[in-house]
C-alpha atoms as a PDB file:
ATOM      1  CA  UNK A   1    -131.815 -13.271 -15.229  1.00  0.00           C
ATOM      2  CA  UNK A   2    -128.729 -12.141 -13.037  1.00  0.00           C
ATOM      3  CA  UNK A   3    -125.877 -10.948 -14.705  1.00  0.00           C
ATOM      4  CA  UNK A   4    -123.626 -13.122 -12.483  1.00  0.00           C
ATOM      5  CA  UNK A   5    -123.853 -17.406 -13.091  1.00  0.00           C
ATOM      6  CA  UNK A   6    -123.966 -18.830  -9.699  1.00  0.00           C
ATOM      7  CA  UNK A   7    -123.602 -22.385 -11.329  1.00  0.00           C
ATOM      8  CA  UNK A   8    -120.009 -23.682  -9.949  1.00  0.00           C
ATOM      9  CA  UNK A   9    -117.502 -24.220 -12.385  1.00  0.00           C
ATOM     10  CA  UNK A  10    -114.677 -26.768 -12.592  1.00  0.00           C
ATOM     11  CA  UNK A  11    -111.589 -24.589 -12.671  1.00  0.00           C
ATOM     12  CA  UNK A  12    -108.916 -26.089 -15.188  1.00  0.00           C
ATOM     13  CA  UNK A  13    -105.407 -26.468 -13.427  1.00  0.00           C
ATOM     14  CA  UNK A  14    -103.156 -23.585 -14.211  1.00  0.00           C
ATOM     15  CA  UNK A  15    -100.275 -25.096 -16.281  1.00  0.00           C
ATOM     16  CA  UNK A  16     -96.985 -24.041 -15.154  1.00  0.00           C
ATOM     17  CA  UNK A  17     -94.604 -22.640 -18.053  1.00  0.00           C
ATOM     18  CA  UNK A  18     -92.880 -25.783 -19.919  1.00  0.00           C
ATOM     19  CA  UNK A  19     -89.478 -24.300 -19.142  1.00  0.00           C
ATOM     20  CA  UNK A  20     -90.544 -23.867 -15.344  1.00  0.00           C
ATOM     21  CA  UNK A  21     -91.466 -27.285 -15.257  1.00  0.00           C
ATOM     22  CA  UNK A  22     -88.692 -28.692 -17.260  1.00  0.00           C
ATOM     23  CA  UNK A  23     -86.046 -26.741 -14.599  1.00  0.00           C
ATOM     24  CA  UNK A  24     -87.739 -28.362 -11.574  1.00  0.00           C
ATOM     25  CA  UNK A  25     -87.681 -31.986 -13.347  1.00  0.00           C
ATOM     26  CA  UNK A  26     -83.860 -31.456 -14.219  1.00  0.00           C
ATOM     27  CA  UNK A  27     -83.442 -30.145 -10.562  1.00  0.00           C
ATOM     28  CA  UNK A  28     -84.747 -33.734  -9.255  1.00  0.00           C
ATOM     29  CA  UNK A  29     -82.848 -35.561 -11.622  1.00  0.00           C
ATOM     30  CA  UNK A  30     -79.475 -34.118 -10.668  1.00  0.00           C
ATOM     31  CA  UNK A  31     -80.337 -34.493  -6.706  1.00  0.00           C
ATOM     32  CA  UNK A  32     -81.578 -38.531  -7.609  1.00  0.00           C
ATOM     33  CA  UNK A  33     -78.205 -38.466  -9.299  1.00  0.00           C
ATOM     34  CA  UNK A  34     -75.740 -37.413  -6.903  1.00  0.00           C
ATOM     35  CA  UNK A  35     -77.393 -39.568  -4.431  1.00  0.00           C
ATOM     36  CA  UNK A  36     -76.996 -42.443  -6.461  1.00  0.00           C
ATOM     37  CA  UNK A  37     -73.354 -41.840  -6.980  1.00  0.00           C
ATOM     38  CA  UNK A  38     -72.629 -41.871  -3.412  1.00  0.00           C
ATOM     39  CA  UNK A  39     -74.844 -44.666  -2.802  1.00  0.00           C
ATOM     40  CA  UNK A  40     -73.790 -46.752  -5.627  1.00  0.00           C
ATOM     41  CA  UNK A  41     -71.319 -45.190  -7.553  1.00  0.00           C
ATOM     42  CA  UNK A  42     -70.816 -43.761 -10.914  1.00  0.00           C
ATOM     43  CA  UNK A  43     -70.992 -47.481 -12.937  1.00  0.00           C
ATOM     44  CA  UNK A  44     -74.585 -48.266 -11.197  1.00  0.00           C
ATOM     45  CA  UNK A  45     -75.781 -45.353 -11.564  1.00  0.00           C
ATOM     46  CA  UNK A  46     -78.533 -45.136 -14.831  1.00  0.00           C
ATOM     47  CA  UNK A  47     -80.704 -43.233 -16.732  1.00  0.00           C
ATOM     48  CA  UNK A  48     -83.798 -45.574 -15.835  1.00  0.00           C
ATOM     49  CA  UNK A  49     -82.914 -46.202 -12.118  1.00  0.00           C
ATOM     50  CA  UNK A  50     -82.498 -42.316 -11.960  1.00  0.00           C
ATOM     51  CA  UNK A  51     -86.142 -41.747 -13.634  1.00  0.00           C
ATOM     52  CA  UNK A  52     -87.533 -44.083 -11.143  1.00  0.00           C
ATOM     53  CA  UNK A  53     -86.041 -42.455  -8.046  1.00  0.00           C
ATOM     54  CA  UNK A  54     -86.475 -38.965  -9.389  1.00  0.00           C
ATOM     55  CA  UNK A  55     -89.978 -39.630 -10.818  1.00  0.00           C
ATOM     56  CA  UNK A  56     -89.386 -37.826 -14.202  1.00  0.00           C
ATOM     57  CA  UNK A  57     -90.067 -39.696 -17.146  1.00  0.00           C
ATOM     58  CA  UNK A  58     -86.749 -41.163 -19.142  1.00  0.00           C
ATOM     59  CA  UNK A  59     -88.272 -39.405 -22.526  1.00  0.00           C
ATOM     60  CA  UNK A  60     -88.034 -36.303 -20.395  1.00  0.00           C
ATOM     61  CA  UNK A  61     -84.276 -36.742 -19.537  1.00  0.00           C
ATOM     62  CA  UNK A  62     -82.598 -38.079 -22.571  1.00  0.00           C
ATOM     63  CA  UNK A  63     -82.969 -34.513 -24.568  1.00  0.00           C
ATOM     64  CA  UNK A  64     -80.984 -32.848 -21.931  1.00  0.00           C
ATOM     65  CA  UNK A  65     -78.843 -35.975 -20.933  1.00  0.00           C
ATOM     66  CA  UNK A  66     -78.459 -38.454 -23.693  1.00  0.00           C
ATOM     67  CA  UNK A  67     -76.402 -40.689 -21.403  1.00  0.00           C
ATOM     68  CA  UNK A  68     -75.321 -41.002 -17.131  1.00  0.00           C
ATOM     69  CA  UNK A  69     -72.069 -39.560 -18.759  1.00  0.00           C
ATOM     70  CA  UNK A  70     -73.344 -36.204 -19.963  1.00  0.00           C
ATOM     71  CA  UNK A  71     -75.217 -35.891 -16.712  1.00  0.00           C
ATOM     72  CA  UNK A  72     -72.196 -36.402 -14.758  1.00  0.00           C
ATOM     73  CA  UNK A  73     -70.195 -33.749 -16.556  1.00  0.00           C
ATOM     74  CA  UNK A  74     -73.265 -31.175 -16.059  1.00  0.00           C
ATOM     75  CA  UNK A  75     -72.833 -32.251 -12.375  1.00  0.00           C
ATOM     76  CA  UNK A  76     -69.169 -31.858 -12.633  1.00  0.00           C
ATOM     77  CA  UNK A  77     -69.251 -28.419 -14.068  1.00  0.00           C
ATOM     78  CA  UNK A  78     -72.165 -27.335 -11.316  1.00  0.00           C
ATOM     79  CA  UNK A  79     -69.560 -28.072  -8.755  1.00  0.00           C
ATOM     80  CA  UNK A  80     -66.628 -26.682 -10.432  1.00  0.00           C
ATOM     81  CA  UNK A  81     -68.388 -23.339 -10.852  1.00  0.00           C
ATOM     82  CA  UNK A  82     -69.530 -23.693  -7.440  1.00  0.00           C
ATOM     83  CA  UNK A  83     -65.918 -23.862  -5.854  1.00  0.00           C
ATOM     84  CA  UNK A  84     -64.974 -21.273  -7.959  1.00  0.00           C
ATOM     85  CA  UNK A  85     -67.502 -18.836  -6.550  1.00  0.00           C
ATOM     86  CA  UNK A  86     -66.748 -20.018  -2.993  1.00  0.00           C
ATOM     87  CA  UNK A  87     -63.103 -19.101  -3.276  1.00  0.00           C
ATOM     88  CA  UNK A  88     -64.007 -15.887  -5.387  1.00  0.00           C
ATOM     89  CA  UNK A  89     -66.345 -14.473  -2.586  1.00  0.00           C
ATOM     90  CA  UNK A  90     -64.625 -15.819   1.052  1.00  0.00           C
ATOM     91  CA  UNK A  91     -62.700 -13.103   1.694  1.00  0.00           C
ATOM     92  CA  UNK A  92     -59.212 -14.689   0.770  1.00  0.00           C
ATOM     93  CA  UNK A  93     -57.598 -11.439  -0.951  1.00  0.00           C
ATOM     94  CA  UNK A  94     -57.504 -10.233   3.003  1.00  0.00           C
ATOM     95  CA  UNK A  95     -54.863 -12.645   3.624  1.00  0.00           C
ATOM     96  CA  UNK A  96     -51.223 -11.146   4.721  1.00  0.00           C
ATOM     97  CA  UNK A  97     -49.117 -13.972   3.055  1.00  0.00           C
ATOM     98  CA  UNK A  98     -48.996 -16.039   0.086  1.00  0.00           C
ATOM     99  CA  UNK A  99     -48.824 -18.874   2.668  1.00  0.00           C
ATOM    100  CA  UNK A 100     -52.278 -17.789   4.522  1.00  0.00           C
ATOM    101  CA  UNK A 101     -53.469 -17.174   1.197  1.00  0.00           C
ATOM    102  CA  UNK A 102     -52.788 -20.870  -0.012  1.00  0.00           C
ATOM    103  CA  UNK A 103     -54.082 -22.501   3.114  1.00  0.00           C
ATOM    104  CA  UNK A 104     -57.284 -20.417   3.116  1.00  0.00           C
ATOM    105  CA  UNK A 105     -57.840 -21.722  -0.590  1.00  0.00           C
ATOM    106  CA  UNK A 106     -56.933 -25.367   0.326  1.00  0.00           C
ATOM    107  CA  UNK A 107     -59.538 -24.912   3.190  1.00  0.00           C
ATOM    108  CA  UNK A 108     -62.405 -23.830   1.396  1.00  0.00           C
ATOM    109  CA  UNK A 109     -61.837 -26.687  -1.264  1.00  0.00           C
ATOM    110  CA  UNK A 110     -61.595 -29.424   1.729  1.00  0.00           C
ATOM    111  CA  UNK A 111     -64.617 -28.248   3.186  1.00  0.00           C
ATOM    112  CA  UNK A 112     -66.473 -27.889   0.196  1.00  0.00           C
ATOM    113  CA  UNK A 113     -65.763 -31.426  -1.325  1.00  0.00           C
ATOM    114  CA  UNK A 114     -66.562 -32.764   2.023  1.00  0.00           C
ATOM    115  CA  UNK A 115     -69.704 -31.130   2.574  1.00  0.00           C
ATOM    116  CA  UNK A 116     -70.584 -32.183  -0.973  1.00  0.00           C
ATOM    117  CA  UNK A 117     -69.791 -36.161  -1.460  1.00  0.00           C
ATOM    118  CA  UNK A 118     -70.799 -36.339  -5.026  1.00  0.00           C
ATOM    119  CA  UNK A 119     -68.512 -33.587  -5.743  1.00  0.00           C
ATOM    120  CA  UNK A 120     -66.063 -36.018  -4.597  1.00  0.00           C
ATOM    121  CA  UNK A 121     -67.105 -39.490  -6.615  1.00  0.00           C
ATOM    122  CA  UNK A 122     -67.021 -36.900  -9.870  1.00  0.00           C
ATOM    123  CA  UNK A 123     -63.934 -35.210  -9.296  1.00  0.00           C
ATOM    124  CA  UNK A 124     -61.769 -36.915  -7.280  1.00  0.00           C
ATOM    125  CA  UNK A 125     -62.265 -40.216  -9.133  1.00  0.00           C
ATOM    126  CA  UNK A 126     -60.918 -39.065 -12.367  1.00  0.00           C
ATOM    127  CA  UNK A 127     -63.234 -37.723 -15.659  1.00  0.00           C
ATOM    128  CA  UNK A 128     -65.731 -39.215 -18.007  1.00  0.00           C
ATOM    129  CA  UNK A 129     -66.000 -36.846 -20.859  1.00  0.00           C
ATOM    130  CA  UNK A 130     -63.839 -33.919 -22.569  1.00  0.00           C
ATOM    131  CA  UNK A 131     -66.105 -31.330 -20.987  1.00  0.00           C
ATOM    132  CA  UNK A 132     -65.784 -31.933 -17.729  1.00  0.00           C
ATOM    133  CA  UNK A 133     -62.429 -32.373 -18.082  1.00  0.00           C
ATOM    134  CA  UNK A 134     -62.399 -28.987 -19.504  1.00  0.00           C
ATOM    135  CA  UNK A 135     -64.117 -27.731 -16.718  1.00  0.00           C
ATOM    136  CA  UNK A 136     -61.634 -28.759 -14.064  1.00  0.00           C
ATOM    137  CA  UNK A 137     -58.876 -27.595 -16.197  1.00  0.00           C
ATOM    138  CA  UNK A 138     -60.601 -24.242 -16.367  1.00  0.00           C
ATOM    139  CA  UNK A 139     -61.380 -24.301 -12.660  1.00  0.00           C
ATOM    140  CA  UNK A 140     -57.636 -24.840 -11.860  1.00  0.00           C
ATOM    141  CA  UNK A 141     -56.376 -22.136 -14.341  1.00  0.00           C
ATOM    142  CA  UNK A 142     -58.797 -19.461 -12.787  1.00  0.00           C
ATOM    143  CA  UNK A 143     -57.477 -20.413  -9.427  1.00  0.00           C
ATOM    144  CA  UNK A 144     -53.849 -20.145 -10.812  1.00  0.00           C
ATOM    145  CA  UNK A 145     -54.527 -16.732 -11.900  1.00  0.00           C
ATOM    146  CA  UNK A 146     -55.647 -15.561  -8.458  1.00  0.00           C
ATOM    147  CA  UNK A 147     -52.418 -17.215  -7.082  1.00  0.00           C
ATOM    148  CA  UNK A 148     -50.511 -15.537  -9.547  1.00  0.00           C
ATOM    149  CA  UNK A 149     -52.443 -11.941  -8.298  1.00  0.00           C
ATOM    150  CA  UNK A 150     -51.670 -12.675  -4.786  1.00  0.00           C
ATOM    151  CA  UNK A 151     -48.278 -13.807  -5.585  1.00  0.00           C
ATOM    152  CA  UNK A 152     -47.460 -10.433  -6.999  1.00  0.00           C
ATOM    153  CA  UNK A 153     -49.495  -8.473  -4.582  1.00  0.00           C
ATOM    154  CA  UNK A 154     -47.413  -9.641  -1.663  1.00  0.00           C
ATOM    155  CA  UNK A 155     -44.113  -9.135  -3.545  1.00  0.00           C
ATOM    156  CA  UNK A 156     -42.716 -12.226  -1.604  1.00  0.00           C
ATOM    157  CA  UNK A 157     -41.834 -14.222  -4.542  1.00  0.00           C
ATOM    158  CA  UNK A 158     -40.360 -13.122  -8.432  1.00  0.00           C
ATOM    159  CA  UNK A 159     -42.876 -13.383 -11.173  1.00  0.00           C
ATOM    160  CA  UNK A 160     -44.096 -16.946 -11.681  1.00  0.00           C
ATOM    161  CA  UNK A 161     -43.432 -18.257 -15.135  1.00  0.00           C
ATOM    162  CA  UNK A 162     -46.375 -18.675 -17.886  1.00  0.00           C
ATOM    163  CA  UNK A 163     -44.729 -21.476 -19.746  1.00  0.00           C
ATOM    164  CA  UNK A 164     -44.945 -23.927 -18.171  1.00  0.00           C
ATOM    165  CA  UNK A 165     -47.486 -22.185 -16.086  1.00  0.00           C
ATOM    166  CA  UNK A 166     -46.308 -22.118 -12.480  1.00  0.00           C
ATOM    167  CA  UNK A 167     -49.207 -21.132 -10.880  1.00  0.00           C
ATOM    168  CA  UNK A 168     -51.766 -23.229 -12.551  1.00  0.00           C
ATOM    169  CA  UNK A 169     -48.894 -26.379 -11.647  1.00  0.00           C
ATOM    170  CA  UNK A 170     -48.900 -25.420  -7.769  1.00  0.00           C
ATOM    171  CA  UNK A 171     -53.142 -25.270  -7.977  1.00  0.00           C
ATOM    172  CA  UNK A 172     -52.775 -29.107  -9.711  1.00  0.00           C
ATOM    173  CA  UNK A 173     -50.242 -30.187  -6.833  1.00  0.00           C
ATOM    174  CA  UNK A 174     -52.625 -29.071  -4.214  1.00  0.00           C
ATOM    175  CA  UNK A 175     -55.504 -30.890  -5.732  1.00  0.00           C
ATOM    176  CA  UNK A 176     -53.350 -34.215  -6.323  1.00  0.00           C
ATOM    177  CA  UNK A 177     -52.708 -34.305  -2.013  1.00  0.00           C
ATOM    178  CA  UNK A 178     -56.422 -33.915  -2.030  1.00  0.00           C
ATOM    179  CA  UNK A 179     -57.127 -36.468  -4.589  1.00  0.00           C
ATOM    180  CA  UNK A 180     -54.793 -38.742  -2.401  1.00  0.00           C
ATOM    181  CA  UNK A 181     -56.523 -38.346   0.741  1.00  0.00           C
ATOM    182  CA  UNK A 182     -59.861 -38.875  -0.455  1.00  0.00           C
ATOM    183  CA  UNK A 183     -58.545 -42.255  -2.306  1.00  0.00           C
ATOM    184  CA  UNK A 184     -57.253 -43.209   1.129  1.00  0.00           C
ATOM    185  CA  UNK A 185     -59.917 -42.156   3.374  1.00  0.00           C
ATOM    186  CA  UNK A 186     -63.125 -41.642   1.459  1.00  0.00           C
ATOM    187  CA  UNK A 187     -63.125 -37.914   2.790  1.00  0.00           C
ATOM    188  CA  UNK A 188     -60.266 -35.085   3.270  1.00  0.00           C
ATOM    189  CA  UNK A 189     -58.843 -35.237   6.603  1.00  0.00           C
ATOM    190  CA  UNK A 190     -56.991 -32.487   8.182  1.00  0.00           C
ATOM    191  CA  UNK A 191     -53.445 -34.225   7.939  1.00  0.00           C
ATOM    192  CA  UNK A 192     -53.828 -34.215   4.269  1.00  0.00           C
ATOM    193  CA  UNK A 193     -55.079 -30.459   4.237  1.00  0.00           C
ATOM    194  CA  UNK A 194     -51.581 -29.796   5.781  1.00  0.00           C
ATOM    195  CA  UNK A 195     -49.621 -32.326   3.350  1.00  0.00           C
ATOM    196  CA  UNK A 196     -51.222 -30.048   0.427  1.00  0.00           C
ATOM    197  CA  UNK A 197     -50.076 -26.719   1.726  1.00  0.00           C
ATOM    198  CA  UNK A 198     -46.704 -27.875   2.510  1.00  0.00           C
ATOM    199  CA  UNK A 199     -46.535 -29.270  -1.111  1.00  0.00           C
ATOM    200  CA  UNK A 200     -47.881 -26.251  -2.858  1.00  0.00           C
ATOM    201  CA  UNK A 201     -45.532 -23.628  -0.793  1.00  0.00           C
ATOM    202  CA  UNK A 202     -42.264 -26.083  -1.067  1.00  0.00           C
ATOM    203  CA  UNK A 203     -43.111 -25.682  -4.745  1.00  0.00           C
ATOM    204  CA  UNK A 204     -43.783 -21.972  -5.030  1.00  0.00           C
ATOM    205  CA  UNK A 205     -40.476 -21.438  -2.629  1.00  0.00           C
ATOM    206  CA  UNK A 206     -38.656 -22.668  -5.550  1.00  0.00           C
ATOM    207  CA  UNK A 207     -39.335 -18.851  -7.052  1.00  0.00           C
ATOM    208  CA  UNK A 208     -39.049 -17.118  -3.691  1.00  0.00           C
ATOM    209  CA  UNK A 209     -36.030 -14.483  -4.253  1.00  0.00           C
ATOM    210  CA  UNK A 210     -34.201 -17.115  -6.231  1.00  0.00           C
ATOM    211  CA  UNK A 211     -32.181 -15.364  -9.079  1.00  0.00           C
ATOM    212  CA  UNK A 212     -33.188 -16.497 -12.397  1.00  0.00           C
ATOM    213  CA  UNK A 213     -29.946 -18.188 -13.393  1.00  0.00           C
ATOM    214  CA  UNK A 214     -29.896 -20.143 -10.623  1.00  0.00           C
ATOM    215  CA  UNK A 215     -33.491 -21.440 -10.751  1.00  0.00           C
ATOM    216  CA  UNK A 216     -32.940 -22.341 -14.397  1.00  0.00           C
ATOM    217  CA  UNK A 217     -30.281 -24.692 -13.603  1.00  0.00           C
ATOM    218  CA  UNK A 218     -32.311 -26.104 -10.724  1.00  0.00           C
ATOM    219  CA  UNK A 219     -34.633 -26.850 -13.685  1.00  0.00           C
ATOM    220  CA  UNK A 220     -32.372 -28.468 -15.609  1.00  0.00           C
ATOM    221  CA  UNK A 221     -31.447 -30.475 -12.855  1.00  0.00           C
END
């Protein structure tokens, strides 16, 4: 008898690790959620509908996302991190003036939001949970610190106060303009981009070579 059995055997399918399969499923759920957010909006997006669209059973979704708002918060955090990374890797540090720096950062945000409509739906229309609100606030604080560092490098302005945090307030002003533009048009156009730059720089110009005493009087008015 031969040492090798020539009888064909059915090979059992190789099972992928549970963690890998779970990751793939969650990617499908997130992609389906972003599609539904853009097409239907947050109110009409539901876990049962996402399960049907993604092909992932509801029983496999709920352990990760107990409800749709937990999923929205997770997607919001993904986009806030991505915006921060886009700014960090943009080469904005090569800007020659603070005005150019602000314009570059706003351009990055405008391009990102216009290319990711689900991010607009979630981040331009308000927040659903404390977690995504905290993620958005952390992003603004991080960008504010970059702004503060840039201002110190250019030496065009006095040191921005920390209380209140002037740099982060400037970032909030810029995003408020972008939110206004999105609410009006469903996207952020170049005119709104320009107004965001003007609004941020007008606020920051209060600290351009302004004596501390005079600035205090301005703030008291």
